[in-house]
Amino acid sequence: MVKRAISHLIKTAHQDNKTVSICGQAPSEYPELASFLIQQGIDYISVNPDMVKETKQNVARIEQRIILDNATGKGRQAVESYAW
Protein backbone atom coordinates (compact mmCIF):
# COMPACT_ATOMS: atom_id res chain seq x y z
CA MET A 1 0.00 0.00 0.00
CA VAL A 2 2.80 2.44 0.88
CA LYS A 3 4.76 1.53 -2.26
CA ARG A 4 1.67 2.10 -4.36
CA ALA A 5 1.22 5.55 -2.79
CA ILE A 6 4.87 6.45 -3.39
CA SER A 7 4.64 5.29 -6.99
CA HIS A 8 1.48 7.35 -7.51
CA LEU A 9 3.08 10.42 -5.93
CA ILE A 10 6.15 10.20 -8.21
CA LYS A 11 4.03 9.69 -11.33
CA THR A 12 1.66 12.54 -10.47
CA ALA A 13 4.47 14.95 -9.62
CA HIS A 14 6.27 14.19 -12.88
CA GLN A 15 3.05 14.77 -14.84
CA ASP A 16 3.04 18.27 -13.33
CA ASN A 17 6.75 18.74 -14.18
CA LYS A 18 7.76 18.57 -10.51
CA THR A 19 10.80 16.79 -9.14
CA VAL A 20 10.54 14.27 -6.33
CA SER A 21 13.10 13.67 -3.60
CA ILE A 22 13.31 11.67 -0.41
CA CYS A 23 15.43 12.32 2.66
CA GLY A 24 16.50 9.91 5.36
CA GLN A 25 18.48 6.77 5.98
CA ALA A 26 15.98 4.24 4.63
CA PRO A 27 17.25 4.17 1.01
CA SER A 28 20.82 3.64 2.22
CA GLU A 29 19.99 1.07 4.89
CA TYR A 30 17.54 -0.83 2.69
CA PRO A 31 18.95 -1.08 -0.86
CA GLU A 32 15.71 -2.69 -2.03
CA LEU A 33 13.92 0.57 -1.18
CA ALA A 34 16.46 2.57 -3.20
CA SER A 35 15.94 0.13 -6.06
CA PHE A 36 12.18 0.59 -5.90
CA LEU A 37 12.47 4.38 -5.82
CA ILE A 38 14.82 4.41 -8.81
CA GLN A 39 12.55 2.10 -10.78
CA GLN A 40 9.67 4.47 -10.07
CA GLY A 41 11.69 7.46 -11.33
CA ILE A 42 12.64 9.29 -8.13
CA ASP A 43 14.74 12.36 -8.95
CA TYR A 44 16.83 12.73 -5.78
CA ILE A 45 17.74 10.59 -2.78
CA SER A 46 19.28 12.37 0.20
CA VAL A 47 21.23 10.38 2.80
CA ASN A 48 23.53 11.06 5.73
CA PRO A 49 27.15 11.85 4.83
CA ASP A 50 28.47 8.52 6.12
CA MET A 51 26.36 6.62 3.56
CA VAL A 52 26.88 8.79 0.47
CA LYS A 53 29.59 6.66 -1.17
CA GLU A 54 27.84 3.33 -0.63
CA THR A 55 24.47 4.69 -1.74
CA LYS A 56 25.95 6.30 -4.87
CA GLN A 57 27.52 2.98 -5.82
CA ASN A 58 24.24 1.16 -5.27
CA VAL A 59 22.29 3.72 -7.32
CA ALA A 60 24.85 3.52 -10.13
CA ARG A 61 24.53 -0.28 -10.30
CA ILE A 62 20.74 -0.10 -10.42
CA GLU A 63 20.73 2.61 -13.09
CA GLN A 64 23.29 0.71 -15.18
CA ARG A 65 21.11 -2.38 -15.08
CA ILE A 66 18.05 -0.39 -16.15
CA ILE A 67 19.98 1.20 -19.03
CA LEU A 68 21.36 -2.18 -20.12
CA ASP A 69 17.92 -3.78 -19.99
CA ASN A 70 16.40 -0.96 -22.02
CA ALA A 71 19.20 -1.21 -24.59
CA THR A 72 18.75 -4.96 -24.95
CA GLY A 73 14.97 -4.79 -25.10
CA LYS A 74 14.34 -6.41 -21.71
CA GLY A 75 12.69 -3.31 -20.28
CA ARG A 76 12.49 -2.47 -16.59
CA GLN A 77 12.40 -5.77 -14.80
CA ALA A 78 12.44 -6.18 -11.06
CA VAL A 79 15.94 -5.18 -10.00
CA GLU A 80 15.69 -7.45 -6.96
CA SER A 81 15.95 -10.47 -9.25
CA TYR A 82 19.35 -9.45 -10.64
CA ALA A 83 22.54 -11.13 -9.52
CA TRP A 84 25.16 -8.44 -9.00
PDB file of N, CA and C in Angstrom:
ATOM      1  N   MET A   1       0.819  -1.191   0.000  1.00  0.00           N
ATOM      2  CA  MET A   1       0.000   0.000   0.000  1.00  0.00           C
ATOM      3  C   MET A   1       0.867   1.262   0.000  1.00  0.00           C
ATOM      4  N   VAL A   2       1.921   1.285   0.824  1.00  0.00           N
ATOM      5  CA  VAL A   2       2.801   2.444   0.877  1.00  0.00           C
ATOM      6  C   VAL A   2       3.557   2.594  -0.438  1.00  0.00           C
ATOM      7  N   LYS A   3       4.044   1.467  -0.980  1.00  0.00           N
ATOM      8  CA  LYS A   3       4.759   1.530  -2.256  1.00  0.00           C
ATOM      9  C   LYS A   3       3.850   2.047  -3.366  1.00  0.00           C
ATOM     10  N   ARG A   4       2.622   1.634  -3.357  1.00  0.00           N
ATOM     11  CA  ARG A   4       1.666   2.104  -4.364  1.00  0.00           C
ATOM     12  C   ARG A   4       1.468   3.620  -4.239  1.00  0.00           C
ATOM     13  N   ALA A   5       1.395   4.112  -3.012  1.00  0.00           N
ATOM     14  CA  ALA A   5       1.224   5.549  -2.788  1.00  0.00           C
ATOM     15  C   ALA A   5       2.457   6.324  -3.250  1.00  0.00           C
ATOM     16  N   ILE A   6       3.635   5.799  -2.959  1.00  0.00           N
ATOM     17  CA  ILE A   6       4.873   6.451  -3.394  1.00  0.00           C
ATOM     18  C   ILE A   6       4.938   6.485  -4.915  1.00  0.00           C
ATOM     19  N   SER A   7       4.632   5.365  -5.537  1.00  0.00           N
ATOM     20  CA  SER A   7       4.639   5.287  -6.995  1.00  0.00           C
ATOM     21  C   SER A   7       3.674   6.303  -7.599  1.00  0.00           C
ATOM     22  N   HIS A   8       2.486   6.396  -7.033  1.00  0.00           N
ATOM     23  CA  HIS A   8       1.479   7.346  -7.513  1.00  0.00           C
ATOM     24  C   HIS A   8       1.970   8.785  -7.343  1.00  0.00           C
ATOM     25  N   LEU A   9       2.574   9.080  -6.203  1.00  0.00           N
ATOM     26  CA  LEU A   9       3.082  10.417  -5.935  1.00  0.00           C
ATOM     27  C   LEU A   9       4.143  10.811  -6.960  1.00  0.00           C
ATOM     28  N   ILE A  10       5.083   9.915  -7.246  1.00  0.00           N
ATOM     29  CA  ILE A  10       6.146  10.204  -8.213  1.00  0.00           C
ATOM     30  C   ILE A  10       5.552  10.442  -9.596  1.00  0.00           C
ATOM     31  N   LYS A  11       4.652   9.570 -10.007  1.00  0.00           N
ATOM     32  CA  LYS A  11       4.030   9.694 -11.329  1.00  0.00           C
ATOM     33  C   LYS A  11       3.254  11.006 -11.450  1.00  0.00           C
ATOM     34  N   THR A  12       2.469  11.326 -10.444  1.00  0.00           N
ATOM     35  CA  THR A  12       1.657  12.540 -10.466  1.00  0.00           C
ATOM     36  C   THR A  12       2.529  13.789 -10.475  1.00  0.00           C
ATOM     37  N   ALA A  13       3.566  13.800  -9.659  1.00  0.00           N
ATOM     38  CA  ALA A  13       4.473  14.953  -9.621  1.00  0.00           C
ATOM     39  C   ALA A  13       5.150  15.155 -10.968  1.00  0.00           C
ATOM     40  N   HIS A  14       5.604  14.078 -11.578  1.00  0.00           N
ATOM     41  CA  HIS A  14       6.266  14.186 -12.880  1.00  0.00           C
ATOM     42  C   HIS A  14       5.305  14.671 -13.961  1.00  0.00           C
ATOM     43  N   GLN A  15       4.044  14.285 -13.875  1.00  0.00           N
ATOM     44  CA  GLN A  15       3.053  14.771 -14.840  1.00  0.00           C
ATOM     45  C   GLN A  15       2.882  16.285 -14.741  1.00  0.00           C
ATOM     46  N   ASP A  16       3.117  16.823 -13.545  1.00  0.00           N
ATOM     47  CA  ASP A  16       3.036  18.270 -13.325  1.00  0.00           C
ATOM     48  C   ASP A  16       4.406  18.942 -13.430  1.00  0.00           C
ATOM     49  N   ASN A  17       5.385  18.230 -14.014  1.00  0.00           N
ATOM     50  CA  ASN A  17       6.752  18.741 -14.183  1.00  0.00           C
ATOM     51  C   ASN A  17       7.407  19.132 -12.866  1.00  0.00           C
ATOM     52  N   LYS A  18       7.148  18.366 -11.826  1.00  0.00           N
ATOM     53  CA  LYS A  18       7.758  18.568 -10.512  1.00  0.00           C
ATOM     54  C   LYS A  18       8.784  17.474 -10.271  1.00  0.00           C
ATOM     55  N   THR A  19       9.820  17.810  -9.523  1.00  0.00           N
ATOM     56  CA  THR A  19      10.795  16.792  -9.138  1.00  0.00           C
ATOM     57  C   THR A  19      10.382  16.183  -7.806  1.00  0.00           C
ATOM     58  N   VAL A  20      10.878  14.982  -7.559  1.00  0.00           N
ATOM     59  CA  VAL A  20      10.539  14.265  -6.330  1.00  0.00           C
ATOM     60  C   VAL A  20      11.834  13.837  -5.654  1.00  0.00           C
ATOM     61  N   SER A  21      11.920  14.094  -4.358  1.00  0.00           N
ATOM     62  CA  SER A  21      13.096  13.675  -3.602  1.00  0.00           C
ATOM     63  C   SER A  21      12.654  13.052  -2.289  1.00  0.00           C
ATOM     64  N   ILE A  22      13.569  12.290  -1.706  1.00  0.00           N
ATOM     65  CA  ILE A  22      13.307  11.673  -0.411  1.00  0.00           C
ATOM     66  C   ILE A  22      14.550  11.854   0.447  1.00  0.00           C
ATOM     67  N   CYS A  23      14.338  12.141   1.718  1.00  0.00           N
ATOM     68  CA  CYS A  23      15.434  12.319   2.664  1.00  0.00           C
ATOM     69  C   CYS A  23      15.339  11.249   3.739  1.00  0.00           C
ATOM     70  N   GLY A  24      16.481  10.861   4.264  1.00  0.00           N
ATOM     71  CA  GLY A  24      16.496   9.906   5.357  1.00  0.00           C
ATOM     72  C   GLY A  24      17.408   8.731   5.077  1.00  0.00           C
ATOM     73  N   GLN A  25      17.561   7.897   6.071  1.00  0.00           N
ATOM     74  CA  GLN A  25      18.476   6.765   5.979  1.00  0.00           C
ATOM     75  C   GLN A  25      17.888   5.540   5.294  1.00  0.00           C
ATOM     76  N   ALA A  26      16.591   5.470   5.147  1.00  0.00           N
ATOM     77  CA  ALA A  26      15.976   4.244   4.628  1.00  0.00           C
ATOM     78  C   ALA A  26      16.549   3.787   3.290  1.00  0.00           C
ATOM     79  N   PRO A  27      16.714   4.655   2.285  1.00  0.00           N
ATOM     80  CA  PRO A  27      17.250   4.165   1.009  1.00  0.00           C
ATOM     81  C   PRO A  27      18.682   3.639   1.104  1.00  0.00           C
ATOM     82  N   SER A  28      19.451   4.141   2.076  1.00  0.00           N
ATOM     83  CA  SER A  28      20.820   3.639   2.217  1.00  0.00           C
ATOM     84  C   SER A  28      20.877   2.382   3.076  1.00  0.00           C
ATOM     85  N   GLU A  29      20.000   2.257   4.031  1.00  0.00           N
ATOM     86  CA  GLU A  29      19.987   1.070   4.889  1.00  0.00           C
ATOM     87  C   GLU A  29      19.241  -0.096   4.251  1.00  0.00           C
ATOM     88  N   TYR A  30      18.327   0.200   3.362  1.00  0.00           N
ATOM     89  CA  TYR A  30      17.539  -0.829   2.686  1.00  0.00           C
ATOM     90  C   TYR A  30      17.683  -0.643   1.177  1.00  0.00           C
ATOM     91  N   PRO A  31      18.711  -1.253   0.572  1.00  0.00           N
ATOM     92  CA  PRO A  31      18.950  -1.078  -0.865  1.00  0.00           C
ATOM     93  C   PRO A  31      17.741  -1.430  -1.727  1.00  0.00           C
ATOM     94  N   GLU A  32      16.901  -2.341  -1.253  1.00  0.00           N
ATOM     95  CA  GLU A  32      15.711  -2.687  -2.034  1.00  0.00           C
ATOM     96  C   GLU A  32      14.748  -1.501  -2.124  1.00  0.00           C
ATOM     97  N   LEU A  33      14.741  -0.638  -1.117  1.00  0.00           N
ATOM     98  CA  LEU A  33      13.918   0.575  -1.183  1.00  0.00           C
ATOM     99  C   LEU A  33      14.501   1.544  -2.208  1.00  0.00           C
ATOM    100  N   ALA A  34      15.814   1.708  -2.196  1.00  0.00           N
ATOM    101  CA  ALA A  34      16.456   2.568  -3.197  1.00  0.00           C
ATOM    102  C   ALA A  34      16.159   2.046  -4.595  1.00  0.00           C
ATOM    103  N   SER A  35      16.236   0.747  -4.766  1.00  0.00           N
ATOM    104  CA  SER A  35      15.943   0.130  -6.058  1.00  0.00           C
ATOM    105  C   SER A  35      14.517   0.450  -6.494  1.00  0.00           C
ATOM    106  N   PHE A  36      13.576   0.288  -5.598  1.00  0.00           N
ATOM    107  CA  PHE A  36      12.176   0.586  -5.904  1.00  0.00           C
ATOM    108  C   PHE A  36      12.008   2.048  -6.311  1.00  0.00           C
ATOM    109  N   LEU A  37      12.602   2.953  -5.538  1.00  0.00           N
ATOM    110  CA  LEU A  37      12.466   4.381  -5.823  1.00  0.00           C
ATOM    111  C   LEU A  37      13.046   4.731  -7.191  1.00  0.00           C
ATOM    112  N   ILE A  38      14.187   4.154  -7.514  1.00  0.00           N
ATOM    113  CA  ILE A  38      14.817   4.413  -8.810  1.00  0.00           C
ATOM    114  C   ILE A  38      13.951   3.872  -9.937  1.00  0.00           C
ATOM    115  N   GLN A  39      13.432   2.681  -9.764  1.00  0.00           N
ATOM    116  CA  GLN A  39      12.553   2.104 -10.784  1.00  0.00           C
ATOM    117  C   GLN A  39      11.316   2.966 -11.008  1.00  0.00           C
ATOM    118  N   GLN A  40      10.856   3.624  -9.960  1.00  0.00           N
ATOM    119  CA  GLN A  40       9.668   4.469 -10.072  1.00  0.00           C
ATOM    120  C   GLN A  40       9.991   5.843 -10.646  1.00  0.00           C
ATOM    121  N   GLY A  41      11.288   6.190 -10.720  1.00  0.00           N
ATOM    122  CA  GLY A  41      11.686   7.455 -11.327  1.00  0.00           C
ATOM    123  C   GLY A  41      11.983   8.579 -10.358  1.00  0.00           C
ATOM    124  N   ILE A  42      12.308   8.247  -9.107  1.00  0.00           N
ATOM    125  CA  ILE A  42      12.642   9.288  -8.134  1.00  0.00           C
ATOM    126  C   ILE A  42      13.761  10.159  -8.696  1.00  0.00           C
ATOM    127  N   ASP A  43      13.734  11.446  -8.408  1.00  0.00           N
ATOM    128  CA  ASP A  43      14.737  12.362  -8.945  1.00  0.00           C
ATOM    129  C   ASP A  43      15.950  12.507  -8.032  1.00  0.00           C
ATOM    130  N   TYR A  44      15.736  12.528  -6.731  1.00  0.00           N
ATOM    131  CA  TYR A  44      16.828  12.725  -5.780  1.00  0.00           C
ATOM    132  C   TYR A  44      16.629  11.844  -4.551  1.00  0.00           C
ATOM    133  N   ILE A  45      17.745  11.320  -4.047  1.00  0.00           N
ATOM    134  CA  ILE A  45      17.745  10.587  -2.782  1.00  0.00           C
ATOM    135  C   ILE A  45      18.788  11.258  -1.900  1.00  0.00           C
ATOM    136  N   SER A  46      18.380  11.716  -0.730  1.00  0.00           N
ATOM    137  CA  SER A  46      19.283  12.373   0.203  1.00  0.00           C
ATOM    138  C   SER A  46      19.566  11.424   1.365  1.00  0.00           C
ATOM    139  N   VAL A  47      20.844  11.268   1.696  1.00  0.00           N
ATOM    140  CA  VAL A  47      21.228  10.380   2.798  1.00  0.00           C
ATOM    141  C   VAL A  47      22.259  11.081   3.673  1.00  0.00           C
ATOM    142  N   ASN A  48      22.515  10.513   4.835  1.00  0.00           N
ATOM    143  CA  ASN A  48      23.527  11.056   5.727  1.00  0.00           C
ATOM    144  C   ASN A  48      24.910  10.933   5.091  1.00  0.00           C
ATOM    145  N   PRO A  49      25.825  11.839   5.439  1.00  0.00           N
ATOM    146  CA  PRO A  49      27.150  11.850   4.826  1.00  0.00           C
ATOM    147  C   PRO A  49      27.908  10.521   4.901  1.00  0.00           C
ATOM    148  N   ASP A  50      27.727   9.773   5.972  1.00  0.00           N
ATOM    149  CA  ASP A  50      28.475   8.521   6.116  1.00  0.00           C
ATOM    150  C   ASP A  50      28.011   7.434   5.150  1.00  0.00           C
ATOM    151  N   MET A  51      26.892   7.631   4.484  1.00  0.00           N
ATOM    152  CA  MET A  51      26.362   6.623   3.561  1.00  0.00           C
ATOM    153  C   MET A  51      26.362   7.077   2.103  1.00  0.00           C
ATOM    154  N   VAL A  52      26.919   8.247   1.829  1.00  0.00           N
ATOM    155  CA  VAL A  52      26.875   8.788   0.468  1.00  0.00           C
ATOM    156  C   VAL A  52      27.580   7.869  -0.522  1.00  0.00           C
ATOM    157  N   LYS A  53      28.812   7.470  -0.227  1.00  0.00           N
ATOM    158  CA  LYS A  53      29.591   6.662  -1.166  1.00  0.00           C
ATOM    159  C   LYS A  53      28.895   5.337  -1.476  1.00  0.00           C
ATOM    160  N   GLU A  54      28.493   4.626  -0.444  1.00  0.00           N
ATOM    161  CA  GLU A  54      27.838   3.326  -0.628  1.00  0.00           C
ATOM    162  C   GLU A  54      26.521   3.470  -1.398  1.00  0.00           C
ATOM    163  N   THR A  55      25.748   4.489  -1.063  1.00  0.00           N
ATOM    164  CA  THR A  55      24.466   4.694  -1.738  1.00  0.00           C
ATOM    165  C   THR A  55      24.671   5.083  -3.201  1.00  0.00           C
ATOM    166  N   LYS A  56      25.662   5.933  -3.481  1.00  0.00           N
ATOM    167  CA  LYS A  56      25.950   6.305  -4.873  1.00  0.00           C
ATOM    168  C   LYS A  56      26.329   5.082  -5.696  1.00  0.00           C
ATOM    169  N   GLN A  57      27.129   4.195  -5.110  1.00  0.00           N
ATOM    170  CA  GLN A  57      27.523   2.978  -5.821  1.00  0.00           C
ATOM    171  C   GLN A  57      26.310   2.092  -6.089  1.00  0.00           C
ATOM    172  N   ASN A  58      25.445   1.961  -5.112  1.00  0.00           N
ATOM    173  CA  ASN A  58      24.235   1.156  -5.274  1.00  0.00           C
ATOM    174  C   ASN A  58      23.330   1.749  -6.356  1.00  0.00           C
ATOM    175  N   VAL A  59      23.128   3.047  -6.317  1.00  0.00           N
ATOM    176  CA  VAL A  59      22.287   3.715  -7.317  1.00  0.00           C
ATOM    177  C   VAL A  59      22.886   3.539  -8.712  1.00  0.00           C
ATOM    178  N   ALA A  60      24.194   3.677  -8.829  1.00  0.00           N
ATOM    179  CA  ALA A  60      24.850   3.521 -10.133  1.00  0.00           C
ATOM    180  C   ALA A  60      24.635   2.118 -10.689  1.00  0.00           C
ATOM    181  N   ARG A  61      24.751   1.097  -9.846  1.00  0.00           N
ATOM    182  CA  ARG A  61      24.529  -0.283 -10.299  1.00  0.00           C
ATOM    183  C   ARG A  61      23.094  -0.472 -10.792  1.00  0.00           C
ATOM    184  N   ILE A  62      22.152   0.042 -10.041  1.00  0.00           N
ATOM    185  CA  ILE A  62      20.743  -0.104 -10.420  1.00  0.00           C
ATOM    186  C   ILE A  62      20.470   0.625 -11.734  1.00  0.00           C
ATOM    187  N   GLU A  63      20.961   1.850 -11.860  1.00  0.00           N
ATOM    188  CA  GLU A  63      20.734   2.612 -13.089  1.00  0.00           C
ATOM    189  C   GLU A  63      21.416   1.960 -14.289  1.00  0.00           C
ATOM    190  N   GLN A  64      22.606   1.416 -14.090  1.00  0.00           N
ATOM    191  CA  GLN A  64      23.293   0.714 -15.182  1.00  0.00           C
ATOM    192  C   GLN A  64      22.480  -0.480 -15.652  1.00  0.00           C
ATOM    193  N   ARG A  65      21.913  -1.210 -14.717  1.00  0.00           N
ATOM    194  CA  ARG A  65      21.111  -2.377 -15.075  1.00  0.00           C
ATOM    195  C   ARG A  65      19.871  -1.946 -15.858  1.00  0.00           C
ATOM    196  N   ILE A  66      19.231  -0.883 -15.440  1.00  0.00           N
ATOM    197  CA  ILE A  66      18.048  -0.387 -16.146  1.00  0.00           C
ATOM    198  C   ILE A  66      18.422   0.039 -17.564  1.00  0.00           C
ATOM    199  N   ILE A  67      19.525   0.766 -17.708  1.00  0.00           N
ATOM    200  CA  ILE A  67      19.980   1.201 -19.034  1.00  0.00           C
ATOM    201  C   ILE A  67      20.301   0.001 -19.908  1.00  0.00           C
ATOM    202  N   LEU A  68      21.008  -0.974 -19.357  1.00  0.00           N
ATOM    203  CA  LEU A  68      21.360  -2.176 -20.115  1.00  0.00           C
ATOM    204  C   LEU A  68      20.105  -2.924 -20.551  1.00  0.00           C
ATOM    205  N   ASP A  69      19.159  -3.078 -19.649  1.00  0.00           N
ATOM    206  CA  ASP A  69      17.920  -3.779 -19.988  1.00  0.00           C
ATOM    207  C   ASP A  69      17.141  -3.045 -21.077  1.00  0.00           C
ATOM    208  N   ASN A  70      17.091  -1.723 -20.991  1.00  0.00           N
ATOM    209  CA  ASN A  70      16.396  -0.956 -22.024  1.00  0.00           C
ATOM    210  C   ASN A  70      17.106  -1.072 -23.364  1.00  0.00           C
ATOM    211  N   ALA A  71      18.430  -1.102 -23.347  1.00  0.00           N
ATOM    212  CA  ALA A  71      19.204  -1.207 -24.588  1.00  0.00           C
ATOM    213  C   ALA A  71      19.062  -2.580 -25.237  1.00  0.00           C
ATOM    214  N   THR A  72      18.864  -3.604 -24.417  1.00  0.00           N
ATOM    215  CA  THR A  72      18.754  -4.963 -24.948  1.00  0.00           C
ATOM    216  C   THR A  72      17.308  -5.386 -25.161  1.00  0.00           C
ATOM    217  N   GLY A  73      16.375  -4.488 -24.860  1.00  0.00           N
ATOM    218  CA  GLY A  73      14.969  -4.792 -25.097  1.00  0.00           C
ATOM    219  C   GLY A  73      14.284  -5.533 -23.970  1.00  0.00           C
ATOM    220  N   LYS A  74      14.960  -5.703 -22.835  1.00  0.00           N
ATOM    221  CA  LYS A  74      14.340  -6.405 -21.714  1.00  0.00           C
ATOM    222  C   LYS A  74      13.374  -5.516 -20.942  1.00  0.00           C
ATOM    223  N   GLY A  75      13.556  -4.215 -21.020  1.00  0.00           N
ATOM    224  CA  GLY A  75      12.690  -3.307 -20.279  1.00  0.00           C
ATOM    225  C   GLY A  75      13.046  -3.275 -18.812  1.00  0.00           C
ATOM    226  N   ARG A  76      12.245  -2.587 -18.030  1.00  0.00           N
ATOM    227  CA  ARG A  76      12.494  -2.466 -16.587  1.00  0.00           C
ATOM    228  C   ARG A  76      11.934  -3.669 -15.864  1.00  0.00           C
ATOM    229  N   GLN A  77      12.807  -4.603 -15.576  1.00  0.00           N
ATOM    230  CA  GLN A  77      12.405  -5.772 -14.804  1.00  0.00           C
ATOM    231  C   GLN A  77      12.690  -5.491 -13.338  1.00  0.00           C
ATOM    232  N   ALA A  78      12.213  -6.346 -12.488  1.00  0.00           N
ATOM    233  CA  ALA A  78      12.441  -6.177 -11.056  1.00  0.00           C
ATOM    234  C   ALA A  78      13.931  -6.291 -10.766  1.00  0.00           C
ATOM    235  N   VAL A  79      14.515  -5.210 -10.269  1.00  0.00           N
ATOM    236  CA  VAL A  79      15.944  -5.181 -10.001  1.00  0.00           C
ATOM    237  C   VAL A  79      16.314  -6.193  -8.924  1.00  0.00           C
ATOM    238  N   GLU A  80      15.396  -6.500  -8.034  1.00  0.00           N
ATOM    239  CA  GLU A  80      15.692  -7.446  -6.964  1.00  0.00           C
ATOM    240  C   GLU A  80      16.083  -8.817  -7.503  1.00  0.00           C
ATOM    241  N   SER A  81      15.671  -9.142  -8.714  1.00  0.00           N
ATOM    242  CA  SER A  81      15.953 -10.466  -9.254  1.00  0.00           C
ATOM    243  C   SER A  81      17.329 -10.551  -9.905  1.00  0.00           C
ATOM    244  N   TYR A  82      18.041  -9.439  -9.988  1.00  0.00           N
ATOM    245  CA  TYR A  82      19.348  -9.454 -10.636  1.00  0.00           C
ATOM    246  C   TYR A  82      20.420  -9.998  -9.702  1.00  0.00           C
ATOM    247  N   ALA A  83      21.366 -10.689 -10.273  1.00  0.00           N
ATOM    248  CA  ALA A  83      22.545 -11.127  -9.520  1.00  0.00           C
ATOM    249  C   ALA A  83      23.650 -10.129  -9.810  1.00  0.00           C
ATOM    250  N   TRP A  84      24.110  -9.437  -8.797  1.00  0.00           N
ATOM    251  CA  TRP A  84      25.160  -8.438  -9.003  1.00  0.00           C
ATOM    252  C   TRP A  84      26.458  -9.154  -8.981  1.00  0.00           C
TER     253      TRP A  84
END
